[in-house]
C-alpha cells in the first residue's frame, strides 16, 4: 500500500487529503482538516467502478483472515 498526503489552505484552516493505492489501484481517500482528531469524510475505491460515495468520518477497516488466522487482506468499509 502506498499513501500520499496533500494539504492546502482553506480559509483559516488547512485541508488535508490522504490518497491510498494498492498495486497501482485507487483504494481509499480520506479527508478533513489538519488538527482534527478524525477524518471528516472518506471514500473507498471500487475496482473498475471509480469511487464509492463519500461517507462521513473515518473508514472502518477489518482484517481478512485465512483458515490459519493469518492476515490475507484488509476490508475497507
N, C-alpha and C. Protein backbone atom coordinates (compact mmCIF):
# COMPACT_ATOMS: atom_id res chain seq x y z
N UNK A 1 0.85 -1.16 0.00
CA UNK A 1 0.00 0.00 0.00
C UNK A 1 0.90 1.23 0.00
N UNK A 2 0.52 2.21 -0.78
CA UNK A 2 1.22 3.49 -0.86
C UNK A 2 0.25 4.58 -0.41
N UNK A 3 0.73 5.48 0.43
CA UNK A 3 -0.10 6.60 0.90
C UNK A 3 0.55 7.90 0.47
N UNK A 4 -0.26 8.78 -0.09
CA UNK A 4 0.18 10.12 -0.45
C UNK A 4 -0.73 11.11 0.29
N UNK A 5 -0.12 12.17 0.80
CA UNK A 5 -0.88 13.15 1.57
C UNK A 5 -0.73 14.52 0.94
N UNK A 6 -1.83 15.24 0.87
CA UNK A 6 -1.85 16.57 0.26
C UNK A 6 -2.50 17.54 1.23
N UNK A 7 -2.02 18.78 1.20
CA UNK A 7 -2.57 19.82 2.07
C UNK A 7 -2.68 21.12 1.28
N UNK A 8 -3.68 21.94 1.67
CA UNK A 8 -3.81 23.27 1.08
C UNK A 8 -4.60 24.15 2.05
N UNK A 9 -4.32 25.45 2.00
CA UNK A 9 -5.08 26.37 2.85
C UNK A 9 -6.56 26.36 2.46
N UNK A 10 -7.41 26.45 3.48
CA UNK A 10 -8.86 26.50 3.27
C UNK A 10 -9.42 27.50 4.28
N UNK A 11 -9.41 28.78 3.91
CA UNK A 11 -9.79 29.82 4.86
C UNK A 11 -8.74 29.90 5.96
N UNK A 12 -9.17 29.81 7.21
CA UNK A 12 -8.23 29.86 8.33
C UNK A 12 -7.78 28.47 8.78
N UNK A 13 -8.10 27.46 8.00
CA UNK A 13 -7.71 26.07 8.31
C UNK A 13 -6.86 25.51 7.17
N UNK A 14 -6.33 24.32 7.38
CA UNK A 14 -5.59 23.63 6.33
C UNK A 14 -6.31 22.32 6.03
N UNK A 15 -6.77 22.19 4.80
CA UNK A 15 -7.44 20.95 4.37
C UNK A 15 -6.37 19.89 4.12
N UNK A 16 -6.70 18.65 4.42
CA UNK A 16 -5.77 17.53 4.25
C UNK A 16 -6.49 16.37 3.57
N UNK A 17 -5.80 15.73 2.63
CA UNK A 17 -6.34 14.57 1.91
C UNK A 17 -5.31 13.46 1.91
N UNK A 18 -5.72 12.26 2.28
CA UNK A 18 -4.89 11.07 2.16
C UNK A 18 -5.41 10.23 1.00
N UNK A 19 -4.52 9.87 0.06
CA UNK A 19 -4.88 9.06 -1.11
C UNK A 19 -4.07 7.76 -1.02
N UNK A 20 -4.75 6.65 -0.88
CA UNK A 20 -4.11 5.36 -0.68
C UNK A 20 -4.32 4.50 -1.92
N UNK A 21 -3.23 3.86 -2.37
CA UNK A 21 -3.30 2.94 -3.51
C UNK A 21 -2.67 1.61 -3.11
N UNK A 22 -3.10 0.56 -3.78
CA UNK A 22 -2.51 -0.76 -3.58
C UNK A 22 -2.29 -1.37 -4.96
N UNK A 23 -1.05 -1.74 -5.24
CA UNK A 23 -0.70 -2.34 -6.54
C UNK A 23 -1.16 -1.43 -7.68
N UNK A 24 -1.03 -0.11 -7.49
CA UNK A 24 -1.37 0.86 -8.51
C UNK A 24 -2.85 1.18 -8.63
N UNK A 25 -3.68 0.58 -7.80
CA UNK A 25 -5.13 0.82 -7.86
C UNK A 25 -5.57 1.73 -6.72
N UNK A 26 -6.47 2.66 -7.05
CA UNK A 26 -7.04 3.52 -6.01
C UNK A 26 -7.78 2.67 -4.99
N UNK A 27 -7.49 2.91 -3.71
CA UNK A 27 -8.08 2.10 -2.64
C UNK A 27 -8.93 2.93 -1.69
N UNK A 28 -8.42 4.08 -1.28
CA UNK A 28 -9.10 4.87 -0.25
C UNK A 28 -8.72 6.33 -0.37
N UNK A 29 -9.69 7.20 -0.20
CA UNK A 29 -9.48 8.63 0.02
C UNK A 29 -10.04 8.96 1.40
N UNK A 30 -9.31 9.74 2.17
CA UNK A 30 -9.80 10.21 3.47
C UNK A 30 -9.39 11.67 3.59
N UNK A 31 -10.34 12.53 4.00
CA UNK A 31 -10.02 13.95 4.04
C UNK A 31 -10.69 14.64 5.20
N UNK A 32 -10.15 15.80 5.49
CA UNK A 32 -10.64 16.62 6.59
C UNK A 32 -9.72 17.80 6.77
N UNK A 33 -9.44 18.18 8.02
CA UNK A 33 -8.62 19.35 8.31
C UNK A 33 -7.52 18.99 9.30
N UNK A 34 -6.35 19.57 9.06
CA UNK A 34 -5.21 19.36 9.95
C UNK A 34 -5.60 19.77 11.37
N UNK A 35 -5.26 18.95 12.33
CA UNK A 35 -5.56 19.23 13.74
C UNK A 35 -6.83 18.58 14.24
N UNK A 36 -7.72 18.18 13.34
CA UNK A 36 -8.92 17.46 13.76
C UNK A 36 -8.54 16.03 14.13
N UNK A 37 -9.17 15.45 15.14
CA UNK A 37 -8.76 14.11 15.58
C UNK A 37 -9.15 12.99 14.61
N UNK A 38 -10.13 13.23 13.73
CA UNK A 38 -10.60 12.17 12.84
C UNK A 38 -10.87 12.74 11.45
N UNK A 39 -11.05 11.86 10.50
CA UNK A 39 -11.40 12.25 9.13
C UNK A 39 -12.78 12.90 9.13
N UNK A 40 -12.97 13.86 8.24
CA UNK A 40 -14.31 14.42 8.05
C UNK A 40 -15.13 13.49 7.15
N UNK A 41 -14.47 12.95 6.10
CA UNK A 41 -15.13 12.07 5.14
C UNK A 41 -14.13 11.06 4.60
N UNK A 42 -14.65 10.02 3.98
CA UNK A 42 -13.81 9.05 3.27
C UNK A 42 -14.60 8.47 2.11
N UNK A 43 -13.88 7.91 1.15
CA UNK A 43 -14.49 7.20 0.03
C UNK A 43 -13.60 6.01 -0.31
N UNK A 44 -14.22 4.88 -0.60
CA UNK A 44 -13.50 3.64 -0.90
C UNK A 44 -13.49 3.43 -2.41
N UNK A 45 -12.33 3.06 -2.95
CA UNK A 45 -12.22 2.77 -4.37
C UNK A 45 -12.91 1.47 -4.72
N UNK A 46 -13.61 1.46 -5.86
CA UNK A 46 -14.30 0.25 -6.33
C UNK A 46 -13.67 -0.16 -7.64
N UNK A 47 -12.91 -1.25 -7.67
CA UNK A 47 -12.20 -1.64 -8.90
C UNK A 47 -13.12 -1.66 -10.11
N UNK A 48 -12.72 -0.90 -11.13
CA UNK A 48 -13.49 -0.85 -12.36
C UNK A 48 -14.71 0.05 -12.31
N UNK A 49 -14.98 0.67 -11.15
CA UNK A 49 -16.19 1.48 -10.99
C UNK A 49 -15.92 2.85 -10.36
N UNK A 50 -14.68 3.25 -10.24
CA UNK A 50 -14.36 4.55 -9.64
C UNK A 50 -14.48 4.52 -8.13
N UNK A 51 -15.01 5.60 -7.59
CA UNK A 51 -15.10 5.76 -6.14
C UNK A 51 -16.52 5.54 -5.65
N UNK A 52 -16.64 4.93 -4.48
CA UNK A 52 -17.92 4.83 -3.79
C UNK A 52 -18.30 6.24 -3.33
N UNK A 53 -19.55 6.45 -2.97
CA UNK A 53 -19.99 7.76 -2.49
C UNK A 53 -19.26 8.13 -1.20
N UNK A 54 -18.92 9.41 -1.01
CA UNK A 54 -18.29 9.83 0.24
C UNK A 54 -19.19 9.53 1.44
N UNK A 55 -18.53 9.13 2.52
CA UNK A 55 -19.24 8.84 3.77
C UNK A 55 -18.62 9.66 4.89
N UNK A 56 -19.39 10.06 5.87
CA UNK A 56 -18.82 10.85 6.96
C UNK A 56 -17.88 10.02 7.83
N UNK A 57 -16.88 10.71 8.40
CA UNK A 57 -15.96 10.09 9.34
C UNK A 57 -14.86 9.28 8.69
N UNK A 58 -14.14 8.56 9.53
CA UNK A 58 -13.04 7.70 9.08
C UNK A 58 -13.59 6.36 8.58
N UNK A 59 -12.85 5.70 7.69
CA UNK A 59 -13.30 4.39 7.23
C UNK A 59 -13.14 3.35 8.34
N UNK A 60 -13.93 2.31 8.27
CA UNK A 60 -13.78 1.17 9.17
C UNK A 60 -12.95 0.13 8.43
N UNK A 61 -11.93 -0.38 9.07
CA UNK A 61 -11.07 -1.39 8.46
C UNK A 61 -11.17 -2.68 9.27
N UNK A 62 -11.31 -3.79 8.56
CA UNK A 62 -11.38 -5.10 9.20
C UNK A 62 -10.35 -6.01 8.55
N UNK A 63 -9.64 -6.78 9.36
CA UNK A 63 -8.67 -7.74 8.82
C UNK A 63 -9.41 -8.93 8.23
N UNK A 64 -8.91 -9.41 7.11
CA UNK A 64 -9.43 -10.63 6.50
C UNK A 64 -8.43 -11.74 6.83
N UNK A 65 -8.91 -12.81 7.47
CA UNK A 65 -8.05 -13.90 7.92
C UNK A 65 -8.33 -15.17 7.12
N UNK A 66 -7.28 -15.99 6.95
CA UNK A 66 -7.50 -17.29 6.33
C UNK A 66 -7.81 -18.32 7.42
N UNK A 67 -7.89 -19.59 7.03
CA UNK A 67 -8.26 -20.65 7.98
C UNK A 67 -7.27 -20.80 9.13
N UNK A 68 -6.02 -20.36 8.91
CA UNK A 68 -4.99 -20.45 9.96
C UNK A 68 -4.85 -19.14 10.73
N UNK A 69 -5.84 -18.26 10.59
CA UNK A 69 -5.84 -16.95 11.26
C UNK A 69 -4.69 -16.05 10.84
N UNK A 70 -4.19 -16.22 9.60
CA UNK A 70 -3.18 -15.32 9.05
C UNK A 70 -3.90 -14.20 8.30
N UNK A 71 -3.35 -13.00 8.40
CA UNK A 71 -3.93 -11.86 7.68
C UNK A 71 -3.64 -12.01 6.20
N UNK A 72 -4.71 -12.00 5.40
CA UNK A 72 -4.57 -12.12 3.94
C UNK A 72 -5.15 -10.90 3.22
N UNK A 73 -5.71 -9.96 3.96
CA UNK A 73 -6.27 -8.77 3.34
C UNK A 73 -6.86 -7.83 4.37
N UNK A 74 -7.31 -6.70 3.86
CA UNK A 74 -7.98 -5.70 4.69
C UNK A 74 -9.26 -5.30 3.98
N UNK A 75 -10.36 -5.32 4.68
CA UNK A 75 -11.65 -4.90 4.15
C UNK A 75 -11.91 -3.48 4.62
N UNK A 76 -12.11 -2.57 3.67
CA UNK A 76 -12.41 -1.17 3.99
C UNK A 76 -13.88 -0.91 3.76
N UNK A 77 -14.53 -0.33 4.77
CA UNK A 77 -15.96 -0.05 4.67
C UNK A 77 -16.18 1.42 4.97
